[in-house]
Amino acid sequence: MTITDSSVRLLAAVVLGGIVGLERQLHGRPAGLRTHILVSIGAAVAVIAGVQAQESLPGLSIDTGRIIAGIITGIGFLGAGTIVRHREGVGGLTTAACIWFVAMVGVLCGFAFYTMAGIASVVALLVLLVLDSLEEKLPVASYWMLTVESCNRPLEAFQKECQKILKRRGLHVKSSTFRISDSGIELSLVLRAKKRETDFEAVEIIRKLKGVTSVKWAHRSGEW
């Protein structure tokens, strides 16, 4: 393998990895342009090094499958660093998948499979750009946590009253827990809705119920 051939492979890894990285950068994700380019180059370098070593040392047996497996394992740790779990759910999964993807693109470039690498990068870019707007229109269920604090109310009657209001608003109660203290009742309800938006009207109706002192509405992940 000549220097020119190696340079072309690395340049292809830079361009194709940068395409995906630029999309992540423009969307303000934790891993952006530089990270994706470096991951793509790194994977390409590992493959190129293996190919060159085998060409330079005929007696040396190098398993390229192990090189690819090592890249996949190493990138897995890097991608895991972009995944964050918070109160609203899990974030960074798409960015982690992009990091893994550009590593595979780098592998393809390292083997000079430019056509496959180019097609894969275009498809990935279409997925990121087109499906991002399409997902917002899909009727996917969302989950919410409603916490209501009340004083001087019988628990069972208060819970039924809240559930009746939520049912009328099209909100399904998946589970409920409560805590009783000297100051009153804290009722926590996990809700499933067909909309992604907060149901402010339901919150306002419950807030006006007799004895209600506090109402909290928070988004939850869909792991129910």
N, C-alpha and C. Protein backbone atom coordinates (compact mmCIF):
# COMPACT_ATOMS: atom_id res chain seq x y z
N MET A 1 0.85 -1.20 0.00
CA MET A 1 0.00 0.00 0.00
C MET A 1 0.89 1.25 0.00
N THR A 2 0.63 2.14 -0.93
CA THR A 2 1.44 3.36 -1.05
C THR A 2 0.93 4.44 -0.10
N ILE A 3 1.77 5.48 0.06
CA ILE A 3 1.39 6.61 0.90
C ILE A 3 0.14 7.30 0.34
N THR A 4 0.08 7.39 -0.99
CA THR A 4 -1.08 8.03 -1.64
C THR A 4 -2.36 7.25 -1.34
N ASP A 5 -2.28 5.94 -1.44
CA ASP A 5 -3.45 5.10 -1.18
C ASP A 5 -3.90 5.25 0.26
N SER A 6 -2.95 5.24 1.18
CA SER A 6 -3.29 5.40 2.61
C SER A 6 -3.92 6.76 2.87
N SER A 7 -3.36 7.80 2.22
CA SER A 7 -3.88 9.15 2.42
C SER A 7 -5.31 9.28 1.90
N VAL A 8 -5.58 8.66 0.76
CA VAL A 8 -6.94 8.69 0.20
C VAL A 8 -7.93 8.02 1.16
N ARG A 9 -7.54 6.92 1.72
CA ARG A 9 -8.41 6.19 2.65
C ARG A 9 -8.69 7.04 3.90
N LEU A 10 -7.64 7.70 4.40
CA LEU A 10 -7.82 8.55 5.58
C LEU A 10 -8.69 9.76 5.25
N LEU A 11 -8.49 10.34 4.07
CA LEU A 11 -9.28 11.49 3.66
C LEU A 11 -10.75 11.12 3.53
N ALA A 12 -11.02 9.93 2.98
CA ALA A 12 -12.40 9.47 2.87
C ALA A 12 -13.03 9.30 4.25
N ALA A 13 -12.24 8.79 5.20
CA ALA A 13 -12.74 8.63 6.56
C ALA A 13 -13.06 9.98 7.19
N VAL A 14 -12.21 10.99 6.91
CA VAL A 14 -12.45 12.34 7.44
C VAL A 14 -13.73 12.93 6.88
N VAL A 15 -13.91 12.83 5.57
CA VAL A 15 -15.08 13.43 4.92
C VAL A 15 -16.37 12.76 5.37
N LEU A 16 -16.41 11.44 5.32
CA LEU A 16 -17.65 10.73 5.64
C LEU A 16 -17.96 10.78 7.13
N GLY A 17 -16.93 10.68 7.96
CA GLY A 17 -17.15 10.82 9.40
C GLY A 17 -17.58 12.23 9.75
N GLY A 18 -17.03 13.21 9.02
CA GLY A 18 -17.37 14.61 9.27
C GLY A 18 -18.80 14.95 8.89
N ILE A 19 -19.34 14.25 7.88
CA ILE A 19 -20.73 14.51 7.48
C ILE A 19 -21.68 14.22 8.63
N VAL A 20 -21.49 13.08 9.26
CA VAL A 20 -22.35 12.71 10.40
C VAL A 20 -22.04 13.61 11.59
N GLY A 21 -20.76 13.87 11.82
CA GLY A 21 -20.37 14.71 12.95
C GLY A 21 -20.90 16.12 12.85
N LEU A 22 -20.97 16.65 11.63
CA LEU A 22 -21.48 18.00 11.43
C LEU A 22 -22.96 18.09 11.82
N GLU A 23 -23.73 17.07 11.48
CA GLU A 23 -25.15 17.06 11.85
C GLU A 23 -25.30 17.06 13.37
N ARG A 24 -24.47 16.28 14.05
CA ARG A 24 -24.53 16.24 15.52
C ARG A 24 -24.08 17.58 16.11
N GLN A 25 -23.08 18.20 15.49
CA GLN A 25 -22.57 19.48 15.96
C GLN A 25 -23.64 20.56 15.85
N LEU A 26 -24.34 20.60 14.72
CA LEU A 26 -25.37 21.62 14.49
C LEU A 26 -26.56 21.46 15.44
N HIS A 27 -26.77 20.24 15.93
CA HIS A 27 -27.86 19.99 16.87
C HIS A 27 -27.40 20.11 18.33
N GLY A 28 -26.16 20.55 18.53
CA GLY A 28 -25.67 20.80 19.88
C GLY A 28 -25.47 19.56 20.73
N ARG A 29 -25.11 18.45 20.12
CA ARG A 29 -24.92 17.20 20.85
C ARG A 29 -23.54 17.16 21.49
N PRO A 30 -23.36 16.34 22.55
CA PRO A 30 -22.08 16.32 23.28
C PRO A 30 -20.89 15.87 22.44
N ALA A 31 -21.12 14.98 21.48
CA ALA A 31 -20.05 14.55 20.57
C ALA A 31 -20.34 15.15 19.21
N GLY A 32 -19.45 16.04 18.76
CA GLY A 32 -19.72 16.75 17.52
C GLY A 32 -18.78 16.41 16.39
N LEU A 33 -18.40 17.42 15.63
CA LEU A 33 -17.62 17.23 14.41
C LEU A 33 -16.26 16.60 14.69
N ARG A 34 -15.50 17.17 15.62
CA ARG A 34 -14.15 16.67 15.88
C ARG A 34 -14.17 15.23 16.38
N THR A 35 -15.08 14.93 17.29
CA THR A 35 -15.14 13.57 17.86
C THR A 35 -15.42 12.54 16.78
N HIS A 36 -16.41 12.82 15.94
CA HIS A 36 -16.78 11.85 14.90
C HIS A 36 -15.66 11.66 13.88
N ILE A 37 -14.99 12.75 13.52
CA ILE A 37 -13.87 12.64 12.58
C ILE A 37 -12.74 11.81 13.17
N LEU A 38 -12.40 12.09 14.43
CA LEU A 38 -11.31 11.36 15.08
C LEU A 38 -11.65 9.87 15.22
N VAL A 39 -12.90 9.56 15.53
CA VAL A 39 -13.30 8.15 15.64
C VAL A 39 -13.18 7.46 14.29
N SER A 40 -13.65 8.14 13.23
CA SER A 40 -13.58 7.56 11.89
C SER A 40 -12.13 7.36 11.45
N ILE A 41 -11.28 8.38 11.68
CA ILE A 41 -9.87 8.27 11.33
C ILE A 41 -9.20 7.15 12.12
N GLY A 42 -9.49 7.11 13.41
CA GLY A 42 -8.87 6.09 14.27
C GLY A 42 -9.18 4.68 13.80
N ALA A 43 -10.43 4.45 13.42
CA ALA A 43 -10.80 3.13 12.92
C ALA A 43 -10.10 2.82 11.60
N ALA A 44 -10.02 3.85 10.73
CA ALA A 44 -9.34 3.65 9.45
C ALA A 44 -7.85 3.37 9.65
N VAL A 45 -7.23 4.09 10.58
CA VAL A 45 -5.80 3.90 10.86
C VAL A 45 -5.54 2.47 11.36
N ALA A 46 -6.41 1.97 12.22
CA ALA A 46 -6.24 0.62 12.75
C ALA A 46 -6.28 -0.43 11.64
N VAL A 47 -7.21 -0.24 10.72
CA VAL A 47 -7.33 -1.18 9.60
C VAL A 47 -6.13 -1.05 8.65
N ILE A 48 -5.77 0.20 8.31
CA ILE A 48 -4.64 0.43 7.41
C ILE A 48 -3.34 -0.13 7.99
N ALA A 49 -3.16 0.05 9.29
CA ALA A 49 -1.96 -0.48 9.95
C ALA A 49 -1.91 -2.00 9.85
N GLY A 50 -3.05 -2.64 10.03
CA GLY A 50 -3.10 -4.09 9.92
C GLY A 50 -2.79 -4.57 8.51
N VAL A 51 -3.36 -3.89 7.51
CA VAL A 51 -3.12 -4.26 6.11
C VAL A 51 -1.66 -4.04 5.73
N GLN A 52 -1.11 -2.90 6.13
CA GLN A 52 0.29 -2.60 5.80
C GLN A 52 1.26 -3.57 6.49
N ALA A 53 0.93 -3.92 7.73
CA ALA A 53 1.80 -4.85 8.45
C ALA A 53 1.82 -6.21 7.78
N GLN A 54 0.66 -6.62 7.28
CA GLN A 54 0.60 -7.92 6.60
C GLN A 54 1.34 -7.88 5.26
N GLU A 55 1.29 -6.74 4.57
CA GLU A 55 2.01 -6.61 3.30
C GLU A 55 3.52 -6.50 3.51
N SER A 56 3.94 -5.82 4.57
CA SER A 56 5.37 -5.61 4.81
C SER A 56 6.04 -6.83 5.41
N LEU A 57 5.29 -7.59 6.19
CA LEU A 57 5.84 -8.77 6.86
C LEU A 57 5.04 -9.99 6.42
N PRO A 58 5.40 -10.61 5.31
CA PRO A 58 4.65 -11.75 4.77
C PRO A 58 4.49 -12.91 5.75
N GLY A 59 5.47 -13.07 6.62
CA GLY A 59 5.39 -14.18 7.56
C GLY A 59 4.47 -13.91 8.74
N LEU A 60 4.01 -12.67 8.85
CA LEU A 60 3.15 -12.28 9.97
C LEU A 60 1.69 -12.50 9.60
N SER A 61 0.99 -13.25 10.41
CA SER A 61 -0.43 -13.52 10.17
C SER A 61 -1.27 -12.59 11.04
N ILE A 62 -2.04 -11.71 10.39
CA ILE A 62 -2.88 -10.75 11.12
C ILE A 62 -4.34 -11.01 10.78
N ASP A 63 -5.14 -11.20 11.80
CA ASP A 63 -6.56 -11.44 11.62
C ASP A 63 -7.29 -10.10 11.61
N THR A 64 -7.73 -9.68 10.43
CA THR A 64 -8.43 -8.39 10.34
C THR A 64 -9.76 -8.41 11.08
N GLY A 65 -10.34 -9.59 11.23
CA GLY A 65 -11.59 -9.70 11.98
C GLY A 65 -11.40 -9.30 13.43
N ARG A 66 -10.24 -9.62 13.99
CA ARG A 66 -9.95 -9.23 15.37
C ARG A 66 -9.74 -7.73 15.49
N ILE A 67 -9.15 -7.14 14.44
CA ILE A 67 -8.98 -5.68 14.45
C ILE A 67 -10.34 -4.99 14.50
N ILE A 68 -11.25 -5.46 13.65
CA ILE A 68 -12.60 -4.88 13.63
C ILE A 68 -13.30 -5.09 14.97
N ALA A 69 -13.18 -6.29 15.53
CA ALA A 69 -13.80 -6.58 16.82
C ALA A 69 -13.25 -5.67 17.92
N GLY A 70 -11.93 -5.42 17.86
CA GLY A 70 -11.31 -4.52 18.85
C GLY A 70 -11.82 -3.10 18.71
N ILE A 71 -12.02 -2.66 17.47
CA ILE A 71 -12.55 -1.31 17.24
C ILE A 71 -13.96 -1.20 17.81
N ILE A 72 -14.78 -2.20 17.53
CA ILE A 72 -16.17 -2.19 18.03
C ILE A 72 -16.21 -2.13 19.55
N THR A 73 -15.34 -2.93 20.18
CA THR A 73 -15.31 -2.94 21.66
C THR A 73 -14.87 -1.60 22.21
N GLY A 74 -13.81 -1.05 21.63
CA GLY A 74 -13.30 0.24 22.13
C GLY A 74 -14.29 1.37 21.93
N ILE A 75 -14.95 1.39 20.78
CA ILE A 75 -15.92 2.45 20.51
C ILE A 75 -17.12 2.33 21.42
N GLY A 76 -17.43 1.10 21.84
CA GLY A 76 -18.56 0.91 22.76
C GLY A 76 -18.38 1.69 24.05
N PHE A 77 -17.16 1.72 24.58
CA PHE A 77 -16.89 2.48 25.81
C PHE A 77 -17.01 3.97 25.56
N LEU A 78 -16.54 4.43 24.41
CA LEU A 78 -16.63 5.85 24.09
C LEU A 78 -18.09 6.28 23.91
N GLY A 79 -18.87 5.46 23.22
CA GLY A 79 -20.28 5.77 23.02
C GLY A 79 -21.06 5.78 24.32
N ALA A 80 -20.70 4.90 25.23
CA ALA A 80 -21.39 4.86 26.52
C ALA A 80 -21.22 6.16 27.30
N GLY A 81 -20.12 6.85 27.05
CA GLY A 81 -19.87 8.11 27.75
C GLY A 81 -20.82 9.23 27.32
N THR A 82 -21.46 9.07 26.17
CA THR A 82 -22.39 10.11 25.71
C THR A 82 -23.82 9.86 26.17
N ILE A 83 -24.07 8.68 26.75
CA ILE A 83 -25.42 8.34 27.20
C ILE A 83 -25.62 8.85 28.62
N VAL A 84 -26.65 9.62 28.82
CA VAL A 84 -26.93 10.22 30.12
C VAL A 84 -28.36 9.87 30.54
N ARG A 85 -28.50 9.39 31.74
CA ARG A 85 -29.83 9.12 32.28
C ARG A 85 -30.19 10.23 33.25
N HIS A 86 -31.33 10.86 33.03
CA HIS A 86 -31.78 11.94 33.90
C HIS A 86 -33.25 11.73 34.25
N ARG A 87 -33.83 12.66 34.95
CA ARG A 87 -35.21 12.51 35.42
C ARG A 87 -36.19 12.36 34.27
N GLU A 88 -35.93 13.02 33.13
CA GLU A 88 -36.86 12.99 32.02
C GLU A 88 -36.70 11.75 31.16
N GLY A 89 -35.65 10.96 31.36
CA GLY A 89 -35.46 9.77 30.55
C GLY A 89 -33.99 9.55 30.26
N VAL A 90 -33.69 8.98 29.09
CA VAL A 90 -32.33 8.67 28.70
C VAL A 90 -31.97 9.49 27.47
N GLY A 91 -30.83 10.17 27.51
CA GLY A 91 -30.39 10.99 26.39
C GLY A 91 -29.04 10.54 25.86
N GLY A 92 -28.74 10.89 24.63
CA GLY A 92 -27.45 10.58 24.04
C GLY A 92 -27.37 9.26 23.30
N LEU A 93 -28.50 8.53 23.19
CA LEU A 93 -28.47 7.24 22.52
C LEU A 93 -28.16 7.39 21.03
N THR A 94 -28.77 8.39 20.40
CA THR A 94 -28.54 8.60 18.97
C THR A 94 -27.08 8.98 18.71
N THR A 95 -26.53 9.84 19.55
CA THR A 95 -25.13 10.24 19.39
C THR A 95 -24.20 9.04 19.58
N ALA A 96 -24.51 8.19 20.56
CA ALA A 96 -23.70 6.98 20.78
C ALA A 96 -23.76 6.07 19.55
N ALA A 97 -24.94 5.95 18.96
CA ALA A 97 -25.09 5.14 17.75
C ALA A 97 -24.31 5.75 16.58
N CYS A 98 -24.29 7.09 16.51
CA CYS A 98 -23.53 7.76 15.45
C CYS A 98 -22.04 7.53 15.59
N ILE A 99 -21.55 7.54 16.82
CA ILE A 99 -20.13 7.28 17.06
C ILE A 99 -19.76 5.87 16.61
N TRP A 100 -20.60 4.91 16.96
CA TRP A 100 -20.37 3.54 16.53
C TRP A 100 -20.41 3.44 15.01
N PHE A 101 -21.36 4.15 14.41
CA PHE A 101 -21.53 4.11 12.96
C PHE A 101 -20.31 4.66 12.23
N VAL A 102 -19.81 5.83 12.65
CA VAL A 102 -18.67 6.42 11.94
C VAL A 102 -17.41 5.56 12.12
N ALA A 103 -17.36 4.81 13.21
CA ALA A 103 -16.23 3.89 13.38
C ALA A 103 -16.29 2.80 12.30
N MET A 104 -17.51 2.31 12.03
CA MET A 104 -17.66 1.30 10.97
C MET A 104 -17.38 1.91 9.60
N VAL A 105 -17.75 3.16 9.41
CA VAL A 105 -17.43 3.85 8.15
C VAL A 105 -15.91 3.96 8.01
N GLY A 106 -15.22 4.28 9.10
CA GLY A 106 -13.77 4.33 9.08
C GLY A 106 -13.15 3.00 8.71
N VAL A 107 -13.76 1.91 9.20
CA VAL A 107 -13.28 0.57 8.85
C VAL A 107 -13.42 0.33 7.35
N LEU A 108 -14.58 0.69 6.80
CA LEU A 108 -14.81 0.53 5.36
C LEU A 108 -13.81 1.34 4.54
N CYS A 109 -13.55 2.57 5.00
CA CYS A 109 -12.56 3.41 4.30
C CYS A 109 -11.17 2.82 4.40
N GLY A 110 -10.86 2.23 5.55
CA GLY A 110 -9.55 1.60 5.74
C GLY A 110 -9.33 0.46 4.78
N PHE A 111 -10.42 -0.23 4.41
CA PHE A 111 -10.33 -1.32 3.44
C PHE A 111 -10.55 -0.84 2.00
N ALA A 112 -10.74 0.49 1.85
CA ALA A 112 -10.97 1.10 0.52
C ALA A 112 -12.32 0.70 -0.08
N PHE A 113 -13.30 0.40 0.77
CA PHE A 113 -14.65 0.13 0.29
C PHE A 113 -15.43 1.45 0.25
N TYR A 114 -15.02 2.31 -0.65
CA TYR A 114 -15.55 3.67 -0.68
C TYR A 114 -17.04 3.73 -1.04
N THR A 115 -17.46 2.90 -1.96
CA THR A 115 -18.86 2.93 -2.39
C THR A 115 -19.79 2.59 -1.23
N MET A 116 -19.49 1.50 -0.55
CA MET A 116 -20.31 1.09 0.59
C MET A 116 -20.29 2.15 1.69
N ALA A 117 -19.11 2.72 1.96
CA ALA A 117 -18.99 3.74 3.00
C ALA A 117 -19.79 4.98 2.63
N GLY A 118 -19.74 5.38 1.36
CA GLY A 118 -20.48 6.56 0.91
C GLY A 118 -21.98 6.36 0.99
N ILE A 119 -22.46 5.20 0.53
CA ILE A 119 -23.90 4.91 0.57
C ILE A 119 -24.39 4.88 2.02
N ALA A 120 -23.62 4.22 2.88
CA ALA A 120 -24.02 4.12 4.29
C ALA A 120 -24.09 5.49 4.94
N SER A 121 -23.14 6.36 4.63
CA SER A 121 -23.12 7.71 5.21
C SER A 121 -24.31 8.54 4.76
N VAL A 122 -24.67 8.42 3.47
CA VAL A 122 -25.83 9.16 2.95
C VAL A 122 -27.11 8.67 3.61
N VAL A 123 -27.24 7.35 3.74
CA VAL A 123 -28.43 6.79 4.39
C VAL A 123 -28.52 7.24 5.85
N ALA A 124 -27.39 7.23 6.54
CA ALA A 124 -27.38 7.67 7.94
C ALA A 124 -27.79 9.13 8.06
N LEU A 125 -27.29 9.96 7.15
CA LEU A 125 -27.63 11.38 7.18
C LEU A 125 -29.12 11.59 6.93
N LEU A 126 -29.69 10.82 6.02
CA LEU A 126 -31.13 10.91 5.76
C LEU A 126 -31.94 10.49 6.98
N VAL A 127 -31.46 9.45 7.66
CA VAL A 127 -32.14 9.00 8.88
C VAL A 127 -32.14 10.10 9.94
N LEU A 128 -31.00 10.75 10.10
CA LEU A 128 -30.88 11.79 11.12
C LEU A 128 -31.71 13.02 10.79
N LEU A 129 -31.77 13.39 9.52
CA LEU A 129 -32.44 14.63 9.13
C LEU A 129 -33.94 14.43 8.90
N VAL A 130 -34.30 13.37 8.18
CA VAL A 130 -35.70 13.16 7.81
C VAL A 130 -36.51 12.58 8.96
N LEU A 131 -36.00 11.55 9.59
CA LEU A 131 -36.76 10.90 10.65
C LEU A 131 -36.88 11.75 11.91
N ASP A 132 -35.97 12.73 12.05
CA ASP A 132 -36.06 13.62 13.21
C ASP A 132 -37.38 14.39 13.21
N SER A 133 -37.78 14.89 12.04
CA SER A 133 -39.04 15.62 11.94
C SER A 133 -40.23 14.67 11.90
N LEU A 134 -40.02 13.47 11.34
CA LEU A 134 -41.11 12.50 11.24
C LEU A 134 -41.50 11.95 12.61
N GLU A 135 -40.51 11.76 13.49
CA GLU A 135 -40.79 11.20 14.82
C GLU A 135 -41.75 12.07 15.62
N GLU A 136 -41.68 13.39 15.42
CA GLU A 136 -42.55 14.29 16.15
C GLU A 136 -44.01 14.13 15.74
N LYS A 137 -44.25 13.59 14.56
CA LYS A 137 -45.61 13.44 14.06
C LYS A 137 -46.19 12.06 14.33
N LEU A 138 -45.34 11.12 14.75
CA LEU A 138 -45.83 9.77 15.02
C LEU A 138 -46.62 9.73 16.32
N PRO A 139 -47.73 8.96 16.36
CA PRO A 139 -48.57 8.88 17.56
C PRO A 139 -47.98 7.94 18.61
N VAL A 140 -46.83 8.34 19.15
CA VAL A 140 -46.15 7.52 20.16
C VAL A 140 -46.59 7.95 21.55
N ALA A 141 -46.87 6.96 22.40
CA ALA A 141 -47.30 7.26 23.76
C ALA A 141 -46.17 7.89 24.56
N SER A 142 -46.51 8.83 25.42
CA SER A 142 -45.54 9.44 26.31
C SER A 142 -45.98 9.21 27.75
N TYR A 143 -45.02 9.24 28.65
CA TYR A 143 -45.29 8.93 30.06
C TYR A 143 -44.95 10.13 30.94
N TRP A 144 -45.79 10.34 31.94
CA TRP A 144 -45.66 11.50 32.81
C TRP A 144 -45.85 11.11 34.27
N MET A 145 -45.27 11.88 35.13
CA MET A 145 -45.46 11.69 36.57
C MET A 145 -46.22 12.89 37.13
N LEU A 146 -47.38 12.61 37.70
CA LEU A 146 -48.19 13.66 38.32
C LEU A 146 -48.16 13.47 39.82
N THR A 147 -47.70 14.48 40.53
CA THR A 147 -47.63 14.43 41.99
C THR A 147 -48.54 15.51 42.56
N VAL A 148 -49.50 15.07 43.38
CA VAL A 148 -50.49 15.98 43.96
C VAL A 148 -50.43 15.91 45.47
N GLU A 149 -50.31 17.07 46.11
CA GLU A 149 -50.32 17.13 47.58
C GLU A 149 -51.62 17.76 48.03
N SER A 150 -52.21 17.14 49.04
CA SER A 150 -53.51 17.60 49.54
C SER A 150 -53.56 17.46 51.05
N CYS A 151 -54.39 18.26 51.67
CA CYS A 151 -54.56 18.18 53.12
C CYS A 151 -56.04 17.95 53.45
N ASN A 152 -56.28 17.22 54.52
CA ASN A 152 -57.65 17.01 55.03
C ASN A 152 -58.58 16.42 53.99
N ARG A 153 -58.11 15.38 53.28
CA ARG A 153 -58.94 14.69 52.30
C ARG A 153 -58.81 13.19 52.51
N PRO A 154 -59.91 12.43 52.49
CA PRO A 154 -59.82 10.96 52.53
C PRO A 154 -59.06 10.45 51.31
N LEU A 155 -58.10 9.58 51.54
CA LEU A 155 -57.20 9.13 50.47
C LEU A 155 -57.95 8.49 49.31
N GLU A 156 -58.81 7.52 49.60
CA GLU A 156 -59.47 6.77 48.52
C GLU A 156 -60.35 7.68 47.66
N ALA A 157 -61.12 8.54 48.31
CA ALA A 157 -62.01 9.44 47.58
C ALA A 157 -61.20 10.44 46.75
N PHE A 158 -60.11 10.93 47.31
CA PHE A 158 -59.26 11.89 46.61
C PHE A 158 -58.60 11.25 45.39
N GLN A 159 -58.13 10.02 45.55
CA GLN A 159 -57.49 9.31 44.45
C GLN A 159 -58.48 9.05 43.31
N LYS A 160 -59.68 8.62 43.64
CA LYS A 160 -60.70 8.35 42.62
C LYS A 160 -61.09 9.63 41.89
N GLU A 161 -61.15 10.73 42.62
CA GLU A 161 -61.51 12.01 42.01
C GLU A 161 -60.46 12.44 40.99
N CYS A 162 -59.17 12.28 41.35
CA CYS A 162 -58.09 12.63 40.43
C CYS A 162 -58.09 11.72 39.20
N GLN A 163 -58.28 10.43 39.42
CA GLN A 163 -58.28 9.49 38.31
C GLN A 163 -59.46 9.74 37.36
N LYS A 164 -60.58 10.14 37.91
CA LYS A 164 -61.76 10.44 37.08
C LYS A 164 -61.48 11.63 36.16
N ILE A 165 -60.83 12.64 36.71
CA ILE A 165 -60.48 13.82 35.90
C ILE A 165 -59.50 13.44 34.80
N LEU A 166 -58.49 12.66 35.16
CA LEU A 166 -57.47 12.26 34.20
C LEU A 166 -58.04 11.39 33.10
N LYS A 167 -58.98 10.51 33.45
CA LYS A 167 -59.61 9.65 32.46
C LYS A 167 -60.39 10.46 31.44
N ARG A 168 -61.09 11.50 31.92
CA ARG A 168 -61.85 12.36 31.02
C ARG A 168 -60.92 13.10 30.06
N ARG A 169 -59.70 13.36 30.49
CA ARG A 169 -58.72 14.05 29.66
C ARG A 169 -57.96 13.09 28.74
N GLY A 170 -58.29 11.80 28.78
CA GLY A 170 -57.63 10.82 27.92
C GLY A 170 -56.29 10.35 28.45
N LEU A 171 -56.06 10.51 29.74
CA LEU A 171 -54.82 10.09 30.38
C LEU A 171 -55.05 8.80 31.14
N HIS A 172 -54.24 7.77 30.83
CA HIS A 172 -54.39 6.47 31.47
C HIS A 172 -53.42 6.35 32.65
N VAL A 173 -53.93 5.98 33.81
CA VAL A 173 -53.10 5.83 35.01
C VAL A 173 -52.46 4.45 34.99
N LYS A 174 -51.14 4.41 34.85
CA LYS A 174 -50.41 3.14 34.83
C LYS A 174 -50.15 2.60 36.22
N SER A 175 -49.83 3.47 37.15
CA SER A 175 -49.58 3.06 38.53
C SER A 175 -49.74 4.25 39.44
N SER A 176 -49.92 3.99 40.71
CA SER A 176 -50.08 5.07 41.68
C SER A 176 -49.47 4.68 43.01
N THR A 177 -48.87 5.65 43.67
CA THR A 177 -48.32 5.46 45.02
C THR A 177 -48.72 6.68 45.85
N PHE A 178 -48.67 6.51 47.15
CA PHE A 178 -49.04 7.63 48.01
C PHE A 178 -48.19 7.64 49.26
N ARG A 179 -48.14 8.80 49.89
CA ARG A 179 -47.44 8.98 51.16
C ARG A 179 -48.28 9.86 52.06
N ILE A 180 -48.51 9.39 53.26
CA ILE A 180 -49.34 10.12 54.23
C ILE A 180 -48.44 10.67 55.34
N SER A 181 -48.59 11.94 55.60
CA SER A 181 -47.83 12.59 56.67
C SER A 181 -48.76 13.47 57.48
N ASP A 182 -48.20 14.14 58.47
CA ASP A 182 -49.01 15.03 59.31
C ASP A 182 -49.58 16.20 58.52
N SER A 183 -48.87 16.58 57.45
CA SER A 183 -49.33 17.73 56.65
C SER A 183 -50.38 17.36 55.62
N GLY A 184 -50.56 16.05 55.35
CA GLY A 184 -51.59 15.63 54.40
C GLY A 184 -51.16 14.44 53.57
N ILE A 185 -51.63 14.39 52.33
CA ILE A 185 -51.40 13.26 51.42
C ILE A 185 -50.57 13.71 50.23
N GLU A 186 -49.62 12.88 49.84
CA GLU A 186 -48.88 13.09 48.60
C GLU A 186 -49.18 11.92 47.68
N LEU A 187 -49.90 12.18 46.61
CA LEU A 187 -50.32 11.14 45.66
C LEU A 187 -49.49 11.26 44.39
N SER A 188 -48.83 10.15 43.99
CA SER A 188 -47.99 10.14 42.79
C SER A 188 -48.59 9.17 41.78
N LEU A 189 -48.87 9.68 40.58
CA LEU A 189 -49.51 8.88 39.53
C LEU A 189 -48.62 8.86 38.29
N VAL A 190 -48.38 7.68 37.75
CA VAL A 190 -47.67 7.54 36.48
C VAL A 190 -48.72 7.47 35.38
N LEU A 191 -48.66 8.39 34.44
CA LEU A 191 -49.68 8.53 33.41
C LEU A 191 -49.13 8.20 32.03
N ARG A 192 -50.02 7.64 31.19
CA ARG A 192 -49.67 7.43 29.79
C ARG A 192 -50.59 8.29 28.94
N ALA A 193 -50.00 9.05 28.03
CA ALA A 193 -50.78 9.95 27.18
C ALA A 193 -50.44 9.69 25.71
N LYS A 194 -51.34 10.09 24.84
CA LYS A 194 -51.13 9.93 23.40
C LYS A 194 -50.45 11.15 22.80
N LYS A 195 -50.26 12.18 23.61
CA LYS A 195 -49.61 13.40 23.16
C LYS A 195 -48.31 13.60 23.91
N ARG A 196 -47.40 14.34 23.29
CA ARG A 196 -46.10 14.62 23.90
C ARG A 196 -46.14 15.87 24.77
N GLU A 197 -47.19 16.66 24.62
CA GLU A 197 -47.25 17.93 25.33
C GLU A 197 -47.84 17.76 26.73
N THR A 198 -47.48 18.68 27.62
CA THR A 198 -48.06 18.72 28.95
C THR A 198 -49.54 19.09 28.87
N ASP A 199 -50.37 18.36 29.61
CA ASP A 199 -51.81 18.66 29.63
C ASP A 199 -52.06 19.70 30.73
N PHE A 200 -51.90 20.97 30.37
CA PHE A 200 -52.04 22.04 31.35
C PHE A 200 -53.47 22.12 31.90
N GLU A 201 -54.44 21.77 31.08
CA GLU A 201 -55.83 21.85 31.54
C GLU A 201 -56.10 20.85 32.65
N ALA A 202 -55.56 19.63 32.50
CA ALA A 202 -55.73 18.62 33.54
C ALA A 202 -55.06 19.07 34.84
N VAL A 203 -53.87 19.65 34.70
CA VAL A 203 -53.15 20.15 35.88
C VAL A 203 -53.95 21.25 36.57
N GLU A 204 -54.53 22.14 35.79
CA GLU A 204 -55.29 23.26 36.35
C GLU A 204 -56.57 22.78 37.05
N ILE A 205 -57.24 21.78 36.47
CA ILE A 205 -58.47 21.25 37.08
C ILE A 205 -58.16 20.61 38.42
N ILE A 206 -57.09 19.81 38.47
CA ILE A 206 -56.70 19.14 39.71
C ILE A 206 -56.22 20.16 40.74
N ARG A 207 -55.55 21.19 40.29
CA ARG A 207 -55.06 22.22 41.21
C ARG A 207 -56.20 22.93 41.94
N LYS A 208 -57.37 23.02 41.29
CA LYS A 208 -58.51 23.72 41.87
C LYS A 208 -59.37 22.83 42.77
N LEU A 209 -59.00 21.54 42.89
CA LEU A 209 -59.76 20.66 43.76
C LEU A 209 -59.61 21.09 45.21
N LYS A 210 -60.62 20.81 46.00
CA LYS A 210 -60.63 21.19 47.40
C LYS A 210 -59.48 20.52 48.15
N GLY A 211 -58.72 21.31 48.89
CA GLY A 211 -57.65 20.78 49.72
C GLY A 211 -56.31 20.61 49.04
N VAL A 212 -56.24 20.79 47.72
CA VAL A 212 -54.98 20.60 46.99
C VAL A 212 -54.05 21.78 47.27
N THR A 213 -52.84 21.45 47.68
CA THR A 213 -51.85 22.48 48.02
C THR A 213 -50.71 22.57 47.00
N SER A 214 -50.50 21.49 46.23
CA SER A 214 -49.40 21.49 45.27
C SER A 214 -49.66 20.46 44.18
N VAL A 215 -49.28 20.83 42.93
CA VAL A 215 -49.40 19.91 41.79
C VAL A 215 -48.10 19.99 40.99
N LYS A 216 -47.48 18.82 40.73
CA LYS A 216 -46.24 18.77 39.95
C LYS A 216 -46.43 17.80 38.79
N TRP A 217 -46.00 18.24 37.61
CA TRP A 217 -46.12 17.44 36.40
C TRP A 217 -44.73 17.31 35.77
N ALA A 218 -44.27 16.08 35.58
CA ALA A 218 -42.92 15.87 35.03
C ALA A 218 -42.94 14.74 34.02
N HIS A 219 -42.09 14.86 33.01
CA HIS A 219 -41.99 13.83 31.98
C HIS A 219 -41.19 12.64 32.50
N ARG A 220 -41.61 11.47 32.11
CA ARG A 220 -40.90 10.25 32.49
C ARG A 220 -40.56 9.45 31.25
N SER A 221 -39.53 8.59 31.35
CA SER A 221 -39.19 7.72 30.22
C SER A 221 -40.27 6.66 30.07
N GLY A 222 -40.30 6.04 28.89
CA GLY A 222 -41.36 5.07 28.60
C GLY A 222 -41.09 3.65 29.08
N GLU A 223 -40.28 3.46 30.09
CA GLU A 223 -39.95 2.11 30.56
C GLU A 223 -40.97 1.68 31.62
N TRP A 224 -42.17 1.38 31.16
CA TRP A 224 -43.22 0.97 32.07
C TRP A 224 -43.95 -0.23 31.49
